[in-house]
Amino acid sequence: MTSRISATEAARSLIKILEEKHGPLMFYQAGGCCEGTQPQCFEKGSFFPRMNDVLLGQIMGHEFWVDRDLFEYWKYSHFTLDTLEGFGPGGFSLETPLGKTFKIHYRLFSEDELKDLEPIQRSI
């Protein structure tokens, strides 16, 4: 099966640091407003996806949720989680005090990948 999400080595290193400090994590990427479309990292259980939001997959065992409308726009794309130095538009994400921010790189799936995509799960 073709995964819908992956992470760079830099993102994985940052996740390890956040795991050590905060325990189990979860990610959520909204479709706009206060946090823009920057992925946010939270302690698992401290943020709840809205009805019909999409569980895109997992990174290092941590769920990565996407706003339902954002998913409809990007559903034919692979998401790659990465990091940048500096502060993103939202200040709620756990990496913010470390002077880092998560970022997503998108690329379209190939025709072969589209035929073998992992299924999605929607929140209820």
N, C-alpha and C. Protein backbone atom coordinates (compact mmCIF):
# COMPACT_ATOMS: atom_id res chain seq x y z
N MET A 1 0.84 -1.19 0.00
CA MET A 1 0.00 0.00 0.00
C MET A 1 0.88 1.25 0.00
N THR A 2 0.40 2.26 -0.68
CA THR A 2 1.11 3.54 -0.74
C THR A 2 0.69 4.41 0.43
N SER A 3 1.66 4.83 1.22
CA SER A 3 1.40 5.71 2.35
C SER A 3 1.06 7.11 1.87
N ARG A 4 0.19 7.79 2.59
CA ARG A 4 -0.19 9.16 2.26
C ARG A 4 0.71 10.19 2.93
N ILE A 5 1.53 9.73 3.90
CA ILE A 5 2.36 10.67 4.64
C ILE A 5 3.69 10.04 5.01
N SER A 6 4.73 10.87 5.04
CA SER A 6 6.05 10.45 5.50
C SER A 6 6.68 11.64 6.22
N ALA A 7 7.88 11.44 6.72
CA ALA A 7 8.57 12.51 7.45
C ALA A 7 10.05 12.51 7.09
N THR A 8 10.62 13.69 7.03
CA THR A 8 12.06 13.82 6.79
C THR A 8 12.80 13.41 8.06
N GLU A 9 14.10 13.20 7.92
CA GLU A 9 14.91 12.87 9.08
C GLU A 9 14.89 14.01 10.11
N ALA A 10 14.89 15.25 9.64
CA ALA A 10 14.82 16.39 10.56
C ALA A 10 13.52 16.37 11.37
N ALA A 11 12.41 16.06 10.72
CA ALA A 11 11.13 15.98 11.42
C ALA A 11 11.14 14.83 12.42
N ARG A 12 11.70 13.70 12.03
CA ARG A 12 11.77 12.55 12.94
C ARG A 12 12.62 12.86 14.17
N SER A 13 13.70 13.56 13.99
CA SER A 13 14.56 13.95 15.12
C SER A 13 13.81 14.87 16.09
N LEU A 14 13.08 15.81 15.54
CA LEU A 14 12.30 16.73 16.38
C LEU A 14 11.18 15.98 17.10
N ILE A 15 10.54 15.05 16.43
CA ILE A 15 9.49 14.25 17.06
C ILE A 15 10.05 13.47 18.25
N LYS A 16 11.24 12.91 18.12
CA LYS A 16 11.86 12.17 19.22
C LYS A 16 12.06 13.07 20.43
N ILE A 17 12.50 14.30 20.20
CA ILE A 17 12.69 15.26 21.30
C ILE A 17 11.34 15.55 21.97
N LEU A 18 10.32 15.78 21.16
CA LEU A 18 8.99 16.08 21.71
C LEU A 18 8.39 14.89 22.44
N GLU A 19 8.63 13.68 21.94
CA GLU A 19 8.16 12.46 22.63
C GLU A 19 8.78 12.34 24.02
N GLU A 20 10.08 12.60 24.11
CA GLU A 20 10.76 12.50 25.40
C GLU A 20 10.19 13.47 26.41
N LYS A 21 9.82 14.65 25.96
CA LYS A 21 9.31 15.68 26.86
C LYS A 21 7.82 15.53 27.15
N HIS A 22 7.02 15.14 26.14
CA HIS A 22 5.56 15.19 26.26
C HIS A 22 4.87 13.84 26.20
N GLY A 23 5.57 12.77 25.85
CA GLY A 23 4.92 11.47 25.73
C GLY A 23 4.24 11.32 24.38
N PRO A 24 3.15 10.54 24.31
CA PRO A 24 2.45 10.32 23.04
C PRO A 24 1.96 11.63 22.42
N LEU A 25 2.10 11.73 21.10
CA LEU A 25 1.76 12.94 20.36
C LEU A 25 0.67 12.68 19.34
N MET A 26 0.15 13.75 18.78
CA MET A 26 -0.73 13.68 17.61
C MET A 26 -0.51 14.96 16.82
N PHE A 27 -0.79 14.88 15.52
CA PHE A 27 -0.65 16.03 14.64
C PHE A 27 -2.00 16.37 14.04
N TYR A 28 -2.19 17.67 13.80
CA TYR A 28 -3.41 18.13 13.13
C TYR A 28 -3.03 19.26 12.18
N GLN A 29 -3.52 19.17 10.97
CA GLN A 29 -3.29 20.23 9.99
C GLN A 29 -4.65 20.80 9.59
N ALA A 30 -4.85 22.06 9.93
CA ALA A 30 -6.12 22.73 9.65
C ALA A 30 -6.10 23.33 8.26
N GLY A 31 -7.24 23.84 7.86
CA GLY A 31 -7.37 24.42 6.53
C GLY A 31 -7.21 25.92 6.49
N GLY A 32 -6.86 26.55 7.59
CA GLY A 32 -6.70 27.99 7.58
C GLY A 32 -7.02 28.60 8.93
N CYS A 33 -7.30 29.87 8.94
CA CYS A 33 -7.62 30.67 10.13
C CYS A 33 -6.35 30.96 10.91
N CYS A 34 -6.42 30.89 12.22
CA CYS A 34 -5.33 31.34 13.10
C CYS A 34 -4.00 30.62 12.84
N GLU A 35 -4.06 29.33 12.65
CA GLU A 35 -2.83 28.56 12.47
C GLU A 35 -2.46 28.35 11.01
N GLY A 36 -3.18 28.96 10.10
CA GLY A 36 -2.91 28.78 8.68
C GLY A 36 -3.06 27.32 8.31
N THR A 37 -2.20 26.84 7.46
CA THR A 37 -2.23 25.41 7.12
C THR A 37 -0.99 24.71 7.65
N GLN A 38 -0.37 25.30 8.63
CA GLN A 38 0.81 24.70 9.27
C GLN A 38 0.38 23.51 10.11
N PRO A 39 1.07 22.37 9.99
CA PRO A 39 0.74 21.25 10.87
C PRO A 39 1.07 21.59 12.32
N GLN A 40 0.20 21.20 13.21
CA GLN A 40 0.38 21.46 14.64
C GLN A 40 0.62 20.13 15.35
N CYS A 41 1.49 20.13 16.34
CA CYS A 41 1.79 18.94 17.14
C CYS A 41 1.27 19.18 18.55
N PHE A 42 0.51 18.20 19.07
CA PHE A 42 -0.09 18.30 20.39
C PHE A 42 0.21 17.03 21.18
N GLU A 43 0.07 17.11 22.51
CA GLU A 43 0.06 15.91 23.32
C GLU A 43 -1.19 15.13 22.94
N LYS A 44 -1.07 13.83 22.79
CA LYS A 44 -2.22 13.00 22.43
C LYS A 44 -3.32 13.20 23.48
N GLY A 45 -4.54 13.45 23.00
CA GLY A 45 -5.68 13.66 23.88
C GLY A 45 -5.94 15.10 24.25
N SER A 46 -5.04 16.02 23.84
CA SER A 46 -5.27 17.44 24.18
C SER A 46 -5.92 18.21 23.03
N PHE A 47 -6.13 17.55 21.91
CA PHE A 47 -6.81 18.16 20.76
C PHE A 47 -7.67 17.08 20.13
N PHE A 48 -8.87 17.46 19.71
CA PHE A 48 -9.80 16.50 19.13
C PHE A 48 -10.20 16.92 17.73
N PRO A 49 -10.00 16.04 16.75
CA PRO A 49 -10.42 16.37 15.38
C PRO A 49 -11.93 16.61 15.34
N ARG A 50 -12.33 17.41 14.36
CA ARG A 50 -13.76 17.69 14.15
C ARG A 50 -14.40 16.54 13.38
N MET A 51 -15.72 16.53 13.36
CA MET A 51 -16.44 15.50 12.64
C MET A 51 -16.03 15.50 11.17
N ASN A 52 -15.75 14.33 10.64
CA ASN A 52 -15.35 14.09 9.25
C ASN A 52 -13.94 14.53 8.91
N ASP A 53 -13.14 14.97 9.88
CA ASP A 53 -11.72 15.19 9.60
C ASP A 53 -11.10 13.84 9.26
N VAL A 54 -9.94 13.87 8.62
CA VAL A 54 -9.35 12.66 8.03
C VAL A 54 -8.06 12.28 8.75
N LEU A 55 -7.99 11.01 9.15
CA LEU A 55 -6.74 10.44 9.65
C LEU A 55 -5.93 10.04 8.44
N LEU A 56 -4.90 10.83 8.14
CA LEU A 56 -4.09 10.63 6.94
C LEU A 56 -3.16 9.43 7.08
N GLY A 57 -2.72 9.19 8.29
CA GLY A 57 -1.78 8.10 8.56
C GLY A 57 -1.07 8.35 9.88
N GLN A 58 0.05 7.67 10.05
CA GLN A 58 0.83 7.83 11.28
C GLN A 58 2.28 8.10 10.94
N ILE A 59 2.89 8.88 11.81
CA ILE A 59 4.32 9.15 11.73
C ILE A 59 4.93 8.69 13.04
N MET A 60 5.78 7.69 12.98
CA MET A 60 6.44 7.15 14.16
C MET A 60 5.40 6.74 15.22
N GLY A 61 4.27 6.25 14.77
CA GLY A 61 3.22 5.79 15.68
C GLY A 61 2.28 6.87 16.16
N HIS A 62 2.44 8.10 15.68
CA HIS A 62 1.59 9.22 16.09
C HIS A 62 0.62 9.57 14.96
N GLU A 63 -0.66 9.70 15.31
CA GLU A 63 -1.68 10.00 14.31
C GLU A 63 -1.46 11.38 13.68
N PHE A 64 -1.74 11.46 12.39
CA PHE A 64 -1.67 12.73 11.66
C PHE A 64 -3.04 12.97 11.04
N TRP A 65 -3.77 13.93 11.61
CA TRP A 65 -5.12 14.28 11.17
C TRP A 65 -5.09 15.52 10.28
N VAL A 66 -6.02 15.58 9.34
CA VAL A 66 -6.12 16.70 8.41
C VAL A 66 -7.57 17.19 8.38
N ASP A 67 -7.73 18.49 8.35
CA ASP A 67 -9.04 19.11 8.20
C ASP A 67 -9.76 18.51 6.99
N ARG A 68 -11.04 18.23 7.12
CA ARG A 68 -11.80 17.57 6.06
C ARG A 68 -11.76 18.34 4.75
N ASP A 69 -11.86 19.67 4.80
CA ASP A 69 -11.84 20.47 3.56
C ASP A 69 -10.45 20.49 2.95
N LEU A 70 -9.43 20.57 3.78
CA LEU A 70 -8.05 20.55 3.28
C LEU A 70 -7.77 19.21 2.60
N PHE A 71 -8.27 18.13 3.19
CA PHE A 71 -8.07 16.81 2.58
C PHE A 71 -8.70 16.75 1.19
N GLU A 72 -9.89 17.29 1.03
CA GLU A 72 -10.55 17.25 -0.27
C GLU A 72 -9.70 17.97 -1.32
N TYR A 73 -9.03 19.03 -0.92
CA TYR A 73 -8.18 19.78 -1.83
C TYR A 73 -6.90 19.01 -2.18
N TRP A 74 -6.31 18.33 -1.19
CA TRP A 74 -5.00 17.69 -1.34
C TRP A 74 -5.08 16.16 -1.40
N LYS A 75 -6.25 15.56 -1.60
CA LYS A 75 -6.39 14.11 -1.50
C LYS A 75 -5.60 13.32 -2.53
N TYR A 76 -5.14 13.96 -3.58
CA TYR A 76 -4.33 13.27 -4.59
C TYR A 76 -2.84 13.54 -4.40
N SER A 77 -2.48 13.98 -3.18
CA SER A 77 -1.09 14.36 -2.90
C SER A 77 -0.52 13.60 -1.72
N HIS A 78 0.78 13.34 -1.80
CA HIS A 78 1.53 12.79 -0.68
C HIS A 78 2.01 13.95 0.19
N PHE A 79 1.91 13.78 1.50
CA PHE A 79 2.36 14.79 2.47
C PHE A 79 3.70 14.34 3.02
N THR A 80 4.67 15.23 3.07
CA THR A 80 5.94 14.95 3.73
C THR A 80 6.14 15.98 4.83
N LEU A 81 6.18 15.51 6.07
CA LEU A 81 6.38 16.40 7.22
C LEU A 81 7.85 16.75 7.32
N ASP A 82 8.13 18.04 7.48
CA ASP A 82 9.49 18.55 7.58
C ASP A 82 9.51 19.60 8.68
N THR A 83 10.68 20.18 8.95
CA THR A 83 10.80 21.25 9.94
C THR A 83 11.56 22.43 9.35
N LEU A 84 11.31 23.57 9.94
CA LEU A 84 12.02 24.80 9.59
C LEU A 84 12.48 25.47 10.88
N GLU A 85 13.54 26.23 10.77
CA GLU A 85 13.96 27.07 11.91
C GLU A 85 13.03 28.27 11.98
N GLY A 86 12.67 28.68 13.17
CA GLY A 86 11.83 29.86 13.34
C GLY A 86 10.42 29.48 13.75
N PHE A 87 9.61 30.51 13.87
CA PHE A 87 8.24 30.34 14.36
C PHE A 87 7.26 30.42 13.20
N GLY A 88 6.32 29.49 13.20
CA GLY A 88 5.26 29.50 12.20
C GLY A 88 4.15 30.45 12.62
N PRO A 89 3.07 30.50 11.84
CA PRO A 89 1.98 31.43 12.13
C PRO A 89 1.21 31.07 13.39
N GLY A 90 1.19 29.81 13.78
CA GLY A 90 0.49 29.41 15.00
C GLY A 90 1.48 29.23 16.12
N GLY A 91 1.06 29.50 17.34
CA GLY A 91 1.97 29.34 18.46
C GLY A 91 1.55 28.23 19.40
N PHE A 92 0.64 27.37 18.96
CA PHE A 92 0.09 26.35 19.84
C PHE A 92 0.83 25.03 19.75
N SER A 93 1.63 24.85 18.74
CA SER A 93 2.29 23.58 18.50
C SER A 93 3.47 23.38 19.46
N LEU A 94 3.71 22.14 19.86
CA LEU A 94 4.70 21.82 20.89
C LEU A 94 6.14 22.19 20.51
N GLU A 95 6.44 22.28 19.23
CA GLU A 95 7.83 22.60 18.82
C GLU A 95 8.13 24.10 18.89
N THR A 96 7.12 24.93 19.03
CA THR A 96 7.31 26.39 19.01
C THR A 96 8.35 26.87 20.03
N PRO A 97 8.31 26.42 21.30
CA PRO A 97 9.33 26.89 22.27
C PRO A 97 10.76 26.50 21.90
N LEU A 98 10.92 25.55 21.00
CA LEU A 98 12.25 25.12 20.56
C LEU A 98 12.77 25.95 19.39
N GLY A 99 11.97 26.94 18.95
CA GLY A 99 12.38 27.78 17.83
C GLY A 99 12.28 27.08 16.50
N LYS A 100 11.38 26.11 16.41
CA LYS A 100 11.19 25.34 15.18
C LYS A 100 9.71 25.36 14.82
N THR A 101 9.44 24.97 13.58
CA THR A 101 8.06 24.82 13.15
C THR A 101 7.98 23.66 12.16
N PHE A 102 6.87 22.93 12.23
CA PHE A 102 6.64 21.87 11.25
C PHE A 102 6.10 22.46 9.97
N LYS A 103 6.39 21.81 8.87
CA LYS A 103 5.97 22.25 7.54
C LYS A 103 5.65 21.01 6.71
N ILE A 104 4.76 21.16 5.75
CA ILE A 104 4.42 20.06 4.85
C ILE A 104 4.89 20.39 3.44
N HIS A 105 5.50 19.40 2.81
CA HIS A 105 5.80 19.45 1.38
C HIS A 105 4.79 18.52 0.71
N TYR A 106 4.23 18.95 -0.40
CA TYR A 106 3.24 18.15 -1.13
C TYR A 106 3.82 17.74 -2.47
N ARG A 107 3.41 16.56 -2.92
CA ARG A 107 3.68 16.15 -4.29
C ARG A 107 2.49 15.30 -4.73
N LEU A 108 2.17 15.36 -6.01
CA LEU A 108 1.06 14.55 -6.52
C LEU A 108 1.47 13.09 -6.60
N PHE A 109 0.52 12.21 -6.31
CA PHE A 109 0.76 10.79 -6.46
C PHE A 109 0.88 10.44 -7.94
N SER A 110 1.66 9.43 -8.23
CA SER A 110 1.71 8.90 -9.59
C SER A 110 0.44 8.08 -9.83
N GLU A 111 0.19 7.73 -11.07
CA GLU A 111 -0.99 6.91 -11.38
C GLU A 111 -0.92 5.56 -10.67
N ASP A 112 0.27 4.95 -10.63
CA ASP A 112 0.42 3.67 -9.94
C ASP A 112 0.16 3.81 -8.44
N GLU A 113 0.66 4.88 -7.83
CA GLU A 113 0.43 5.11 -6.41
C GLU A 113 -1.06 5.29 -6.11
N LEU A 114 -1.75 6.00 -6.96
CA LEU A 114 -3.19 6.24 -6.76
C LEU A 114 -3.99 4.94 -6.72
N LYS A 115 -3.54 3.95 -7.44
CA LYS A 115 -4.24 2.66 -7.48
C LYS A 115 -4.06 1.86 -6.19
N ASP A 116 -3.05 2.22 -5.38
CA ASP A 116 -2.70 1.41 -4.20
C ASP A 116 -2.62 2.24 -2.92
N LEU A 117 -3.43 3.29 -2.80
CA LEU A 117 -3.39 4.17 -1.63
C LEU A 117 -3.94 3.50 -0.38
N GLU A 118 -3.29 3.81 0.76
CA GLU A 118 -3.84 3.37 2.04
C GLU A 118 -5.22 4.00 2.21
N PRO A 119 -6.17 3.27 2.79
CA PRO A 119 -7.49 3.86 3.01
C PRO A 119 -7.42 4.93 4.10
N ILE A 120 -8.36 5.84 4.07
CA ILE A 120 -8.43 6.87 5.10
C ILE A 120 -9.50 6.50 6.11
N GLN A 121 -9.41 7.15 7.24
CA GLN A 121 -10.43 7.01 8.30
C GLN A 121 -10.91 8.40 8.63
N ARG A 122 -12.21 8.57 8.81
CA ARG A 122 -12.77 9.87 9.17
C ARG A 122 -13.19 9.85 10.65
N SER A 123 -13.04 11.00 11.30
CA SER A 123 -13.48 11.11 12.70
C SER A 123 -15.01 11.16 12.75
N ILE A 124 -15.53 10.79 13.87
CA ILE A 124 -16.99 10.84 14.03
C ILE A 124 -17.38 11.72 15.20
